[in-house]
Amino acid sequence: MKKLLLTIIILILLSMVSCGDLPDSFKVIYHSNGSTDGYPPNDNNKYKSGEFATVLDHGTLINTETSFAGWNTNKDNKGTHYNSGDQIEIKKIDIFLFPVWE
């Protein structure tokens, strides 16, 4: 079943490439991973590959047991860490950021 699903995904991507339907703009998407209340910031900008986005603050997110300590590209905090105000380069893919709680 996994091989069939992977084959279907590859075929869809190949058809998108051949039709020129790959996206030419990308987003920075913030998640609320581990928060106990509030909402993550919302970056409505669309970025082209090679442009830089400024990493936003935590919005209204809170965690009653810990403090906000930046953002990470992985929800397990094993990816790249960014602080609010850092510049992040866009590289042909949407960027997902998860809050770091310490």
Protein backbone atom coordinates (compact mmCIF):
# COMPACT_ATOMS: atom_id res chain seq x y z
CA MET A 1 0.00 0.00 0.00
CA LYS A 2 2.85 2.39 0.85
CA LYS A 3 4.54 1.72 -2.50
CA LEU A 4 1.30 2.44 -4.34
CA LEU A 5 0.80 5.71 -2.47
CA LEU A 6 4.41 6.74 -3.11
CA THR A 7 4.03 5.91 -6.81
CA ILE A 8 0.87 8.02 -7.03
CA ILE A 9 2.57 10.98 -5.31
CA ILE A 10 5.56 10.74 -7.66
CA LEU A 11 3.29 10.63 -10.70
CA ILE A 12 1.38 13.69 -9.51
CA LEU A 13 4.61 15.61 -8.92
CA LEU A 14 5.97 14.62 -12.32
CA SER A 15 2.78 15.76 -14.02
CA MET A 16 2.99 19.08 -12.17
CA VAL A 17 6.58 19.57 -13.34
CA SER A 18 5.73 18.77 -16.93
CA CYS A 19 2.77 21.19 -16.84
CA GLY A 20 4.74 23.93 -15.12
CA ASP A 21 2.38 23.91 -12.12
CA LEU A 22 4.99 23.93 -9.39
CA PRO A 23 4.52 26.86 -7.04
CA ASP A 24 6.70 29.92 -7.55
CA SER A 25 5.94 31.43 -4.16
CA PHE A 26 6.21 29.98 -0.70
CA LYS A 27 4.96 30.67 2.83
CA VAL A 28 6.22 30.60 6.40
CA ILE A 29 3.66 28.72 8.48
CA TYR A 30 3.68 28.90 12.27
CA HIS A 31 2.25 26.14 14.47
CA SER A 32 1.09 26.07 18.09
CA ASN A 33 2.86 22.83 19.08
CA GLY A 34 2.86 22.49 22.89
CA SER A 35 0.99 25.69 23.63
CA THR A 36 -1.78 25.67 26.21
CA ASP A 37 -3.62 28.70 24.80
CA GLY A 38 -3.50 31.38 22.16
CA TYR A 39 -2.73 31.45 18.48
CA PRO A 40 0.52 31.44 16.52
CA PRO A 41 1.39 34.46 14.40
CA ASN A 42 0.21 34.54 10.82
CA ASP A 43 2.56 35.55 8.02
CA ASN A 44 0.36 36.30 5.01
CA ASN A 45 3.32 37.09 2.76
CA LYS A 46 4.28 34.95 -0.21
CA TYR A 47 7.99 34.64 -0.81
CA LYS A 48 10.01 33.70 -3.86
CA SER A 49 12.90 31.27 -3.56
CA GLY A 50 16.01 33.16 -2.46
CA GLU A 51 14.09 35.86 -0.58
CA PHE A 52 14.29 36.27 3.18
CA ALA A 53 11.44 36.33 5.69
CA THR A 54 11.67 37.83 9.16
CA VAL A 55 10.77 35.31 11.86
CA LEU A 56 7.79 36.59 13.83
CA ASP A 57 7.24 36.71 17.60
CA HIS A 58 5.07 34.09 19.35
CA GLY A 59 1.75 35.84 18.68
CA THR A 60 -0.65 35.08 21.52
CA LEU A 61 0.70 31.57 22.18
CA ILE A 62 1.33 30.67 25.79
CA ASN A 63 2.34 27.59 27.69
CA THR A 64 1.41 27.78 31.36
CA GLU A 65 4.35 25.60 32.43
CA THR A 66 7.20 27.03 30.32
CA SER A 67 8.32 30.13 28.44
CA PHE A 68 8.57 30.75 24.71
CA ALA A 69 12.19 30.36 23.60
CA GLY A 70 12.03 30.75 19.81
CA TRP A 71 11.06 28.63 16.84
CA ASN A 72 12.33 25.36 15.35
CA THR A 73 11.84 23.72 11.98
CA ASN A 74 10.94 20.43 13.70
CA LYS A 75 8.33 20.00 16.40
CA ASP A 76 10.80 17.87 18.40
CA ASN A 77 13.25 20.84 18.42
CA LYS A 78 15.89 18.84 16.54
CA GLY A 79 15.83 21.07 13.48
CA THR A 80 17.10 24.60 12.90
CA HIS A 81 16.42 27.07 15.72
CA TYR A 82 15.31 30.65 15.01
CA ASN A 83 14.67 33.57 17.32
CA SER A 84 12.04 36.22 16.68
CA GLY A 85 13.51 38.79 14.31
CA ASP A 86 15.94 36.36 12.64
CA GLN A 87 16.04 36.20 8.86
CA ILE A 88 15.15 32.89 7.25
CA GLU A 89 15.93 32.13 3.62
CA ILE A 90 13.15 30.70 1.49
CA LYS A 91 14.30 27.71 -0.57
CA LYS A 92 11.59 26.44 -2.97
CA ILE A 93 9.42 25.02 -0.19
CA ASP A 94 7.04 26.26 2.49
CA ILE A 95 8.72 26.61 5.87
CA PHE A 96 6.98 25.26 8.96
CA LEU A 97 8.00 26.66 12.37
CA PHE A 98 7.13 25.18 15.74
CA PRO A 99 7.45 26.99 19.08
CA VAL A 100 10.25 26.04 21.45
CA TRP A 101 9.18 25.94 25.09
CA GLU A 102 11.74 25.98 27.90
